C-alpha cells in the first residue's frame, strides 16, 4: 500500500482523537482533583530552563498546572498525520526526562497534568508502542538517554526515553483513569495497525514479532494498571476500573474499522462482570482475531498464541517487580 494512502485513515483518526481528548482537558472532575494537595506544584517543570526553552515562552514560573498542560500539548503535537518536528519531539522528551529526574520508584505528577501528558504521548503512538514493547528497534534503546536528541527516519522525528523514566511517568499519569484509557486506546490502535500490516506471505520472525511486540506493550500497561489500583482501597479501585472501561468505550467511536475496533466491540459485548479482566488477555485475543482472519493453520496459530501469552506475562512481571 502507498505510504500516503496508509497515512490518511490514521490522520483522520488522529484528528478525531485529538478533538475528544482536548474536550476532556476542558473538564475538571473528581479524578482531576483527587490528590491535588499531596502532589507537588508543577514548578519543577515551569522553572526548569530546559523545559522553558523547548516548550516555549508560554512556560513561566507561577503558571497554573492546567495552563502548563495546555502548553505542553500545543508544543509537542504533530501535523495530524503522525509526523513531528525535532522541536516537538525534543519538547516532550525534555518534559518526560525532567519528571524522571525525581528518581526511581513513584513520582508525583500534578493531577492537572495527567490527561495532557497522556494526550501528548498518544500523539506519538508508534514511538510509545516501540518504547513499551522494546524488542525490534535498536534506536529506541541507544537514543533513550536524556542527552540524546530525537532522531529522524521515515519523514518524522522520533521520541524515546529511558524505560525506567517511561514506566515511572506512566504510573503517575495512570492515576487518572481517563488518562490511562487514552494511553490504552493509543496502544490498541497501533497494535491493530501493526498486525494488519504484516504481509500475507510472512513467516517465522516476520510473522511472530508484530503480535509479540503488541502483547508485550499491552502487558506493560497491565502492570501499570495493577500498580495503580494496588494503592487504592477496593471501592476506589473499582471506580478506577469502571472509568477505564468507560474511556475505552467512548474511544470506540474514534477508532477506524479493523482489528482494534473489532476487539473494542468484543470488550463492550462481554458480560460486565468480566469486562475488565478481558484487558489482561487483550494481546492474545487480538492475535487470535488476526490469525483467524489470515486463515492461519491451527498448529502455527497455537504456537504463536503461546508465544504471545508468554510475552505479555513477562512484560507484566517486569513492571510489577
Foldseek 3Di string as FASTA:
>chain_A
DDPVVVLVLQLLLLVVLLVVLVVVLVDQDPLLPPCQVVFDFPQLQLVDPQLCVLLHVQRHPPDHPSSVLVSLLVRQADDSRLATDQSNQLNLLVVLVSQPVVDFDAGADRSSNLSSNLSSVLSNLVLLLCLQLVDDDCCLVVQADSVRGFDDDPRHTHHHHDSRSVLNSLLNSCSQLLSLLSNVLSLLQVLQVLLVPQDLPDDDPSNQPSLLSSLSSLLLSVLSLCVNLVPPPPVVNVVSLVVSLVNLLVSLVSHDDTLSNVLSVVLVPDPPVCNSVVSLCVSLVSLVVSCVVSVPDPVVNVVSSVSSNVSSNVSSVVSVD
